[in-house]
């Protein structure tokens, strides 16, 4: 028997902004949303990587545009949002995936590095939520990419953990604030993913020990494994879900 009901994960007719959309988890999110029918605006700093990713999505039957921007800079969010309005006429989904990572002990982390990470990971998310929410209507969704580092203690990650903990609290606070407007705000908290950003760590003893002793599933995630969780939180399939931080971590935080 063939059902005539639309999939609860269908985004046909909707438009989305994906920051950090040229590579890594952001690129996977863009692909998942485009495959579900959304028109996507990709945001990153590298023009060549953006153009290549947008062309790939278009070749696969999607509709994609792109804009190069540095979200750590004032005014960038407003320019991005205006580009989305000009391209698609509306904003239904915002995925905040852009960010930076840093490692180092408390004493080895400089004030400049701390400020850089907070600007990239916290100000970028907050400013995009602020700019996009003005144009979002009831039924819209924001999905922030946090991290398990924002949920549990980790050695030599104080600056990065602080930034991702802030993303968690931005998510919860805005879920409450924007609920009367019908805008849902959720986050995913990835654990160890085998991405380009983590490539330098993947051959280390620390990485192997984490997978062996901290992750119950005993492995790192493939980048493609973030697409489904982000699509779920962005889609009508999670219409009564807001303020949630969904660990995508192989059971790390459960253990």
C-alpha atoms as a PDB file:
ATOM      1  CA  UNK A   1       0.000   0.000   0.000  1.00  0.00           C
ATOM      2  CA  UNK A   2       1.404   3.365  -1.029  1.00  0.00           C
ATOM      3  CA  UNK A   3       1.064   6.207   1.469  1.00  0.00           C
ATOM      4  CA  UNK A   4       0.153   9.678   0.202  1.00  0.00           C
ATOM      5  CA  UNK A   5       1.379  11.341   3.381  1.00  0.00           C
ATOM      6  CA  UNK A   6       4.394  13.620   3.100  1.00  0.00           C
ATOM      7  CA  UNK A   7       7.459  12.469   4.990  1.00  0.00           C
ATOM      8  CA  UNK A   8       7.861  14.296   8.310  1.00  0.00           C
ATOM      9  CA  UNK A   9      11.462  14.905   7.266  1.00  0.00           C
ATOM     10  CA  UNK A  10      10.590  16.587   3.973  1.00  0.00           C
ATOM     11  CA  UNK A  11      11.902  20.141   3.556  1.00  0.00           C
ATOM     12  CA  UNK A  12      10.474  20.770   0.100  1.00  0.00           C
ATOM     13  CA  UNK A  13       9.816  24.476  -0.433  1.00  0.00           C
ATOM     14  CA  UNK A  14      11.929  25.512   2.532  1.00  0.00           C
ATOM     15  CA  UNK A  15      15.232  27.343   2.567  1.00  0.00           C
ATOM     16  CA  UNK A  16      18.199  26.904   4.868  1.00  0.00           C
ATOM     17  CA  UNK A  17      21.416  28.648   5.807  1.00  0.00           C
ATOM     18  CA  UNK A  18      24.300  26.365   6.726  1.00  0.00           C
ATOM     19  CA  UNK A  19      27.393  28.032   8.161  1.00  0.00           C
ATOM     20  CA  UNK A  20      30.584  26.065   7.779  1.00  0.00           C
ATOM     21  CA  UNK A  21      28.829  24.440   4.837  1.00  0.00           C
ATOM     22  CA  UNK A  22      31.806  23.942   2.542  1.00  0.00           C
ATOM     23  CA  UNK A  23      33.389  20.992   4.342  1.00  0.00           C
ATOM     24  CA  UNK A  24      33.224  18.651   7.328  1.00  0.00           C
ATOM     25  CA  UNK A  25      30.022  18.283   9.290  1.00  0.00           C
ATOM     26  CA  UNK A  26      28.535  21.430   7.774  1.00  0.00           C
ATOM     27  CA  UNK A  27      28.889  20.013   4.269  1.00  0.00           C
ATOM     28  CA  UNK A  28      27.170  16.814   5.386  1.00  0.00           C
ATOM     29  CA  UNK A  29      24.345  18.848   6.914  1.00  0.00           C
ATOM     30  CA  UNK A  30      23.944  20.800   3.680  1.00  0.00           C
ATOM     31  CA  UNK A  31      23.748  17.586   1.684  1.00  0.00           C
ATOM     32  CA  UNK A  32      21.158  16.077   4.043  1.00  0.00           C
ATOM     33  CA  UNK A  33      18.944  19.165   3.907  1.00  0.00           C
ATOM     34  CA  UNK A  34      19.287  19.516   0.134  1.00  0.00           C
ATOM     35  CA  UNK A  35      18.395  15.846  -0.342  1.00  0.00           C
ATOM     36  CA  UNK A  36      15.278  16.485   1.754  1.00  0.00           C
ATOM     37  CA  UNK A  37      14.259  19.230  -0.667  1.00  0.00           C
ATOM     38  CA  UNK A  38      15.581  22.400   0.971  1.00  0.00           C
ATOM     39  CA  UNK A  39      17.233  25.204  -0.947  1.00  0.00           C
ATOM     40  CA  UNK A  40      20.517  25.853   0.812  1.00  0.00           C
ATOM     41  CA  UNK A  41      22.815  28.830   1.249  1.00  0.00           C
ATOM     42  CA  UNK A  42      26.325  27.698   2.131  1.00  0.00           C
ATOM     43  CA  UNK A  43      28.531  29.959   4.234  1.00  0.00           C
ATOM     44  CA  UNK A  44      32.282  29.684   4.799  1.00  0.00           C
ATOM     45  CA  UNK A  45      35.438  31.687   4.234  1.00  0.00           C
ATOM     46  CA  UNK A  46      36.910  29.783   1.276  1.00  0.00           C
ATOM     47  CA  UNK A  47      35.295  30.852  -1.994  1.00  0.00           C
ATOM     48  CA  UNK A  48      36.709  27.943  -3.986  1.00  0.00           C
ATOM     49  CA  UNK A  49      35.498  25.332  -1.491  1.00  0.00           C
ATOM     50  CA  UNK A  50      32.058  26.948  -1.367  1.00  0.00           C
ATOM     51  CA  UNK A  51      31.717  27.050  -5.132  1.00  0.00           C
ATOM     52  CA  UNK A  52      32.809  23.425  -5.443  1.00  0.00           C
ATOM     53  CA  UNK A  53      30.331  22.265  -2.790  1.00  0.00           C
ATOM     54  CA  UNK A  54      27.450  24.285  -4.244  1.00  0.00           C
ATOM     55  CA  UNK A  55      28.169  22.934  -7.721  1.00  0.00           C
ATOM     56  CA  UNK A  56      28.156  19.386  -6.339  1.00  0.00           C
ATOM     57  CA  UNK A  57      24.773  19.873  -4.690  1.00  0.00           C
ATOM     58  CA  UNK A  58      23.339  21.442  -7.830  1.00  0.00           C
ATOM     59  CA  UNK A  59      24.650  18.594  -9.978  1.00  0.00           C
ATOM     60  CA  UNK A  60      22.826  16.175  -7.668  1.00  0.00           C
ATOM     61  CA  UNK A  61      19.533  17.957  -8.295  1.00  0.00           C
ATOM     62  CA  UNK A  62      19.561  20.386  -5.380  1.00  0.00           C
ATOM     63  CA  UNK A  63      19.362  24.160  -5.317  1.00  0.00           C
ATOM     64  CA  UNK A  64      22.337  25.830  -3.686  1.00  0.00           C
ATOM     65  CA  UNK A  65      23.854  29.281  -3.377  1.00  0.00           C
ATOM     66  CA  UNK A  66      26.879  30.440  -1.418  1.00  0.00           C
ATOM     67  CA  UNK A  67      28.424  33.443   0.256  1.00  0.00           C
ATOM     68  CA  UNK A  68      31.935  33.894   1.619  1.00  0.00           C
ATOM     69  CA  UNK A  69      32.003  35.429   5.097  1.00  0.00           C
ATOM     70  CA  UNK A  70      33.929  35.419   8.367  1.00  0.00           C
ATOM     71  CA  UNK A  71      31.407  35.067  11.187  1.00  0.00           C
ATOM     72  CA  UNK A  72      33.844  36.305  13.798  1.00  0.00           C
ATOM     73  CA  UNK A  73      33.459  39.768  12.270  1.00  0.00           C
ATOM     74  CA  UNK A  74      30.750  42.238  13.193  1.00  0.00           C
ATOM     75  CA  UNK A  75      28.054  42.668  10.579  1.00  0.00           C
ATOM     76  CA  UNK A  76      28.773  39.372   8.791  1.00  0.00           C
ATOM     77  CA  UNK A  77      25.588  37.690  10.019  1.00  0.00           C
ATOM     78  CA  UNK A  78      23.372  40.452   8.693  1.00  0.00           C
ATOM     79  CA  UNK A  79      25.030  40.253   5.267  1.00  0.00           C
ATOM     80  CA  UNK A  80      24.547  36.478   5.180  1.00  0.00           C
ATOM     81  CA  UNK A  81      20.892  36.680   6.138  1.00  0.00           C
ATOM     82  CA  UNK A  82      20.228  39.354   3.533  1.00  0.00           C
ATOM     83  CA  UNK A  83      21.865  37.121   0.925  1.00  0.00           C
ATOM     84  CA  UNK A  84      19.526  34.274   1.879  1.00  0.00           C
ATOM     85  CA  UNK A  85      16.487  36.531   1.590  1.00  0.00           C
ATOM     86  CA  UNK A  86      17.639  37.767  -1.816  1.00  0.00           C
ATOM     87  CA  UNK A  87      18.350  34.219  -3.022  1.00  0.00           C
ATOM     88  CA  UNK A  88      15.315  32.386  -1.667  1.00  0.00           C
ATOM     89  CA  UNK A  89      12.893  34.961  -0.262  1.00  0.00           C
ATOM     90  CA  UNK A  90      12.680  33.272   3.149  1.00  0.00           C
ATOM     91  CA  UNK A  91      14.619  31.538   5.924  1.00  0.00           C
ATOM     92  CA  UNK A  92      13.149  28.393   7.445  1.00  0.00           C
ATOM     93  CA  UNK A  93      16.223  26.641   8.817  1.00  0.00           C
ATOM     94  CA  UNK A  94      19.527  27.826  10.238  1.00  0.00           C
ATOM     95  CA  UNK A  95      22.313  25.338  10.906  1.00  0.00           C
ATOM     96  CA  UNK A  96      25.246  26.861  12.793  1.00  0.00           C
ATOM     97  CA  UNK A  97      28.121  24.531  11.990  1.00  0.00           C
ATOM     98  CA  UNK A  98      30.982  26.986  11.479  1.00  0.00           C
ATOM     99  CA  UNK A  99      33.574  26.959  14.213  1.00  0.00           C
ATOM    100  CA  UNK A 100      37.172  26.529  15.221  1.00  0.00           C
ATOM    101  CA  UNK A 101      39.014  24.171  17.514  1.00  0.00           C
ATOM    102  CA  UNK A 102      41.980  24.610  19.810  1.00  0.00           C
ATOM    103  CA  UNK A 103      43.909  22.375  22.165  1.00  0.00           C
ATOM    104  CA  UNK A 104      46.310  23.131  24.959  1.00  0.00           C
ATOM    105  CA  UNK A 105      46.685  23.274  28.702  1.00  0.00           C
ATOM    106  CA  UNK A 106      45.444  26.214  30.698  1.00  0.00           C
ATOM    107  CA  UNK A 107      48.930  27.724  30.903  1.00  0.00           C
ATOM    108  CA  UNK A 108      49.741  27.095  27.245  1.00  0.00           C
ATOM    109  CA  UNK A 109      46.566  28.748  25.941  1.00  0.00           C
ATOM    110  CA  UNK A 110      47.090  32.437  25.311  1.00  0.00           C
ATOM    111  CA  UNK A 111      44.522  35.149  25.851  1.00  0.00           C
ATOM    112  CA  UNK A 112      44.568  35.813  22.118  1.00  0.00           C
ATOM    113  CA  UNK A 113      43.765  32.165  21.347  1.00  0.00           C
ATOM    114  CA  UNK A 114      40.959  32.132  23.900  1.00  0.00           C
ATOM    115  CA  UNK A 115      39.438  35.267  22.386  1.00  0.00           C
ATOM    116  CA  UNK A 116      39.753  33.852  18.858  1.00  0.00           C
ATOM    117  CA  UNK A 117      37.908  30.671  19.779  1.00  0.00           C
ATOM    118  CA  UNK A 118      35.159  32.481  21.657  1.00  0.00           C
ATOM    119  CA  UNK A 119      34.681  34.877  18.761  1.00  0.00           C
ATOM    120  CA  UNK A 120      34.455  32.076  16.203  1.00  0.00           C
ATOM    121  CA  UNK A 121      32.372  29.604  18.182  1.00  0.00           C
ATOM    122  CA  UNK A 122      30.182  31.780  20.382  1.00  0.00           C
ATOM    123  CA  UNK A 123      29.769  35.178  18.750  1.00  0.00           C
ATOM    124  CA  UNK A 124      29.309  33.538  15.348  1.00  0.00           C
ATOM    125  CA  UNK A 125      26.452  31.331  16.583  1.00  0.00           C
ATOM    126  CA  UNK A 126      24.783  34.072  18.626  1.00  0.00           C
ATOM    127  CA  UNK A 127      24.982  36.670  15.873  1.00  0.00           C
ATOM    128  CA  UNK A 128      23.564  34.300  13.245  1.00  0.00           C
ATOM    129  CA  UNK A 129      20.654  33.350  15.519  1.00  0.00           C
ATOM    130  CA  UNK A 130      20.011  37.040  16.188  1.00  0.00           C
ATOM    131  CA  UNK A 131      20.062  38.028  12.514  1.00  0.00           C
ATOM    132  CA  UNK A 132      18.098  35.053  11.168  1.00  0.00           C
ATOM    133  CA  UNK A 133      15.373  34.955  13.831  1.00  0.00           C
ATOM    134  CA  UNK A 134      14.088  38.348  12.650  1.00  0.00           C
ATOM    135  CA  UNK A 135      13.050  36.730   9.365  1.00  0.00           C
ATOM    136  CA  UNK A 136      11.868  33.347  10.620  1.00  0.00           C
ATOM    137  CA  UNK A 137       8.218  32.424  10.952  1.00  0.00           C
ATOM    138  CA  UNK A 138       6.420  29.816  13.044  1.00  0.00           C
ATOM    139  CA  UNK A 139       7.610  26.345  12.127  1.00  0.00           C
ATOM    140  CA  UNK A 140      11.192  27.421  11.538  1.00  0.00           C
ATOM    141  CA  UNK A 141      14.134  25.699  13.195  1.00  0.00           C
ATOM    142  CA  UNK A 142      17.642  26.529  14.345  1.00  0.00           C
ATOM    143  CA  UNK A 143      20.177  23.738  14.842  1.00  0.00           C
ATOM    144  CA  UNK A 144      23.472  24.595  16.526  1.00  0.00           C
ATOM    145  CA  UNK A 145      26.511  22.347  16.415  1.00  0.00           C
ATOM    146  CA  UNK A 146      27.908  22.093  19.944  1.00  0.00           C
ATOM    147  CA  UNK A 147      30.208  19.296  21.130  1.00  0.00           C
ATOM    148  CA  UNK A 148      30.581  16.693  23.840  1.00  0.00           C
ATOM    149  CA  UNK A 149      33.301  19.052  25.069  1.00  0.00           C
ATOM    150  CA  UNK A 150      30.481  21.365  26.094  1.00  0.00           C
ATOM    151  CA  UNK A 151      28.864  18.620  28.176  1.00  0.00           C
ATOM    152  CA  UNK A 152      31.691  16.776  29.925  1.00  0.00           C
ATOM    153  CA  UNK A 153      35.094  17.716  31.318  1.00  0.00           C
ATOM    154  CA  UNK A 154      38.084  17.189  29.037  1.00  0.00           C
ATOM    155  CA  UNK A 155      41.780  17.761  29.605  1.00  0.00           C
ATOM    156  CA  UNK A 156      43.547  20.526  27.694  1.00  0.00           C
ATOM    157  CA  UNK A 157      40.324  21.820  26.176  1.00  0.00           C
ATOM    158  CA  UNK A 158      39.312  24.644  28.530  1.00  0.00           C
ATOM    159  CA  UNK A 159      38.968  27.329  25.838  1.00  0.00           C
ATOM    160  CA  UNK A 160      37.210  25.091  23.344  1.00  0.00           C
ATOM    161  CA  UNK A 161      35.004  23.551  26.042  1.00  0.00           C
ATOM    162  CA  UNK A 162      34.020  27.002  27.280  1.00  0.00           C
ATOM    163  CA  UNK A 163      32.970  28.007  23.773  1.00  0.00           C
ATOM    164  CA  UNK A 164      30.893  24.882  23.204  1.00  0.00           C
ATOM    165  CA  UNK A 165      29.355  25.117  26.677  1.00  0.00           C
ATOM    166  CA  UNK A 166      28.258  28.592  25.667  1.00  0.00           C
ATOM    167  CA  UNK A 167      26.662  27.181  22.509  1.00  0.00           C
ATOM    168  CA  UNK A 168      24.711  24.744  24.685  1.00  0.00           C
ATOM    169  CA  UNK A 169      23.365  27.583  26.823  1.00  0.00           C
ATOM    170  CA  UNK A 170      22.616  29.811  23.845  1.00  0.00           C
ATOM    171  CA  UNK A 171      20.569  26.921  22.491  1.00  0.00           C
ATOM    172  CA  UNK A 172      18.588  26.433  25.686  1.00  0.00           C
ATOM    173  CA  UNK A 173      18.032  30.138  26.295  1.00  0.00           C
ATOM    174  CA  UNK A 174      16.873  30.873  22.764  1.00  0.00           C
ATOM    175  CA  UNK A 175      14.621  27.816  22.768  1.00  0.00           C
ATOM    176  CA  UNK A 176      12.693  29.456  25.590  1.00  0.00           C
ATOM    177  CA  UNK A 177      12.864  32.973  24.163  1.00  0.00           C
ATOM    178  CA  UNK A 178      11.814  32.090  20.622  1.00  0.00           C
ATOM    179  CA  UNK A 179       9.182  29.476  21.471  1.00  0.00           C
ATOM    180  CA  UNK A 180       6.330  32.048  21.519  1.00  0.00           C
ATOM    181  CA  UNK A 181       7.204  32.827  17.890  1.00  0.00           C
ATOM    182  CA  UNK A 182       7.030  29.144  16.963  1.00  0.00           C
ATOM    183  CA  UNK A 183      10.783  28.944  16.290  1.00  0.00           C
ATOM    184  CA  UNK A 184      12.469  25.826  17.629  1.00  0.00           C
ATOM    185  CA  UNK A 185      16.119  25.861  18.735  1.00  0.00           C
ATOM    186  CA  UNK A 186      18.087  22.662  19.290  1.00  0.00           C
ATOM    187  CA  UNK A 187      21.675  21.461  19.086  1.00  0.00           C
ATOM    188  CA  UNK A 188      23.689  18.389  18.275  1.00  0.00           C
ATOM    189  CA  UNK A 189      26.751  17.568  20.363  1.00  0.00           C
ATOM    190  CA  UNK A 190      29.116  15.473  18.245  1.00  0.00           C
ATOM    191  CA  UNK A 191      31.651  13.219  19.875  1.00  0.00           C
ATOM    192  CA  UNK A 192      34.727  11.930  18.021  1.00  0.00           C
ATOM    193  CA  UNK A 193      34.126  12.304  14.277  1.00  0.00           C
ATOM    194  CA  UNK A 194      36.728  11.378  11.679  1.00  0.00           C
ATOM    195  CA  UNK A 195      36.758  14.774   9.959  1.00  0.00           C
ATOM    196  CA  UNK A 196      39.494  16.957   8.528  1.00  0.00           C
ATOM    197  CA  UNK A 197      39.354  19.074  11.705  1.00  0.00           C
ATOM    198  CA  UNK A 198      40.289  16.083  13.863  1.00  0.00           C
ATOM    199  CA  UNK A 199      42.755  14.565  11.394  1.00  0.00           C
ATOM    200  CA  UNK A 200      45.830  15.605  13.378  1.00  0.00           C
ATOM    201  CA  UNK A 201      44.474  13.756  16.437  1.00  0.00           C
ATOM    202  CA  UNK A 202      43.365  10.544  14.777  1.00  0.00           C
ATOM    203  CA  UNK A 203      46.770   8.871  14.908  1.00  0.00           C
ATOM    204  CA  UNK A 204      47.421   9.813  18.526  1.00  0.00           C
ATOM    205  CA  UNK A 205      47.318   7.533  21.571  1.00  0.00           C
ATOM    206  CA  UNK A 206      44.829   9.909  23.157  1.00  0.00           C
ATOM    207  CA  UNK A 207      42.386   9.421  20.258  1.00  0.00           C
ATOM    208  CA  UNK A 208      42.733   5.631  20.404  1.00  0.00           C
ATOM    209  CA  UNK A 209      42.232   5.644  24.180  1.00  0.00           C
ATOM    210  CA  UNK A 210      39.079   7.729  23.881  1.00  0.00           C
ATOM    211  CA  UNK A 211      37.586   5.318  21.351  1.00  0.00           C
ATOM    212  CA  UNK A 212      38.589   2.288  23.388  1.00  0.00           C
ATOM    213  CA  UNK A 213      37.634   3.479  26.870  1.00  0.00           C
ATOM    214  CA  UNK A 214      35.214   6.430  26.604  1.00  0.00           C
ATOM    215  CA  UNK A 215      33.014   5.583  23.594  1.00  0.00           C
ATOM    216  CA  UNK A 216      30.799   2.530  24.164  1.00  0.00           C
ATOM    217  CA  UNK A 217      30.411   1.930  20.418  1.00  0.00           C
ATOM    218  CA  UNK A 218      34.196   1.739  20.255  1.00  0.00           C
ATOM    219  CA  UNK A 219      34.772   3.783  17.130  1.00  0.00           C
ATOM    220  CA  UNK A 220      34.797   7.269  15.665  1.00  0.00           C
ATOM    221  CA  UNK A 221      31.812   8.421  13.663  1.00  0.00           C
ATOM    222  CA  UNK A 222      31.863   8.830   9.918  1.00  0.00           C
ATOM    223  CA  UNK A 223      31.001  12.444   8.990  1.00  0.00           C
ATOM    224  CA  UNK A 224      27.880  11.231   7.176  1.00  0.00           C
ATOM    225  CA  UNK A 225      26.450  10.127  10.521  1.00  0.00           C
ATOM    226  CA  UNK A 226      25.681  13.735  11.505  1.00  0.00           C
ATOM    227  CA  UNK A 227      23.301  14.294   8.592  1.00  0.00           C
ATOM    228  CA  UNK A 228      20.345  12.363   9.983  1.00  0.00           C
ATOM    229  CA  UNK A 229      20.342  13.959  13.458  1.00  0.00           C
ATOM    230  CA  UNK A 230      20.583  17.480  12.014  1.00  0.00           C
ATOM    231  CA  UNK A 231      17.849  16.765   9.470  1.00  0.00           C
ATOM    232  CA  UNK A 232      15.622  15.425  12.247  1.00  0.00           C
ATOM    233  CA  UNK A 233      16.003  18.573  14.348  1.00  0.00           C
ATOM    234  CA  UNK A 234      15.544  20.835  11.314  1.00  0.00           C
ATOM    235  CA  UNK A 235      12.434  19.116  10.020  1.00  0.00           C
ATOM    236  CA  UNK A 236       8.739  18.928  10.951  1.00  0.00           C
ATOM    237  CA  UNK A 237       9.525  15.455  12.284  1.00  0.00           C
ATOM    238  CA  UNK A 238      10.726  17.145  15.492  1.00  0.00           C
ATOM    239  CA  UNK A 239       7.941  19.733  15.653  1.00  0.00           C
ATOM    240  CA  UNK A 240       7.524  19.382  19.453  1.00  0.00           C
ATOM    241  CA  UNK A 241      11.247  19.246  20.222  1.00  0.00           C
ATOM    242  CA  UNK A 242      13.009  22.392  21.370  1.00  0.00           C
ATOM    243  CA  UNK A 243      15.796  23.177  23.811  1.00  0.00           C
ATOM    244  CA  UNK A 244      17.354  19.749  23.305  1.00  0.00           C
ATOM    245  CA  UNK A 245      21.084  19.091  23.046  1.00  0.00           C
ATOM    246  CA  UNK A 246      21.340  15.763  21.240  1.00  0.00           C
ATOM    247  CA  UNK A 247      24.617  13.906  21.818  1.00  0.00           C
ATOM    248  CA  UNK A 248      25.841  12.166  18.667  1.00  0.00           C
ATOM    249  CA  UNK A 249      28.722  10.527  20.448  1.00  0.00           C
ATOM    250  CA  UNK A 250      28.507   6.729  20.347  1.00  0.00           C
ATOM    251  CA  UNK A 251      27.327   6.673  23.980  1.00  0.00           C
ATOM    252  CA  UNK A 252      30.172   8.778  25.423  1.00  0.00           C
ATOM    253  CA  UNK A 253      28.037  11.038  27.597  1.00  0.00           C
ATOM    254  CA  UNK A 254      25.784   8.153  28.649  1.00  0.00           C
ATOM    255  CA  UNK A 255      28.783   6.275  30.003  1.00  0.00           C
END
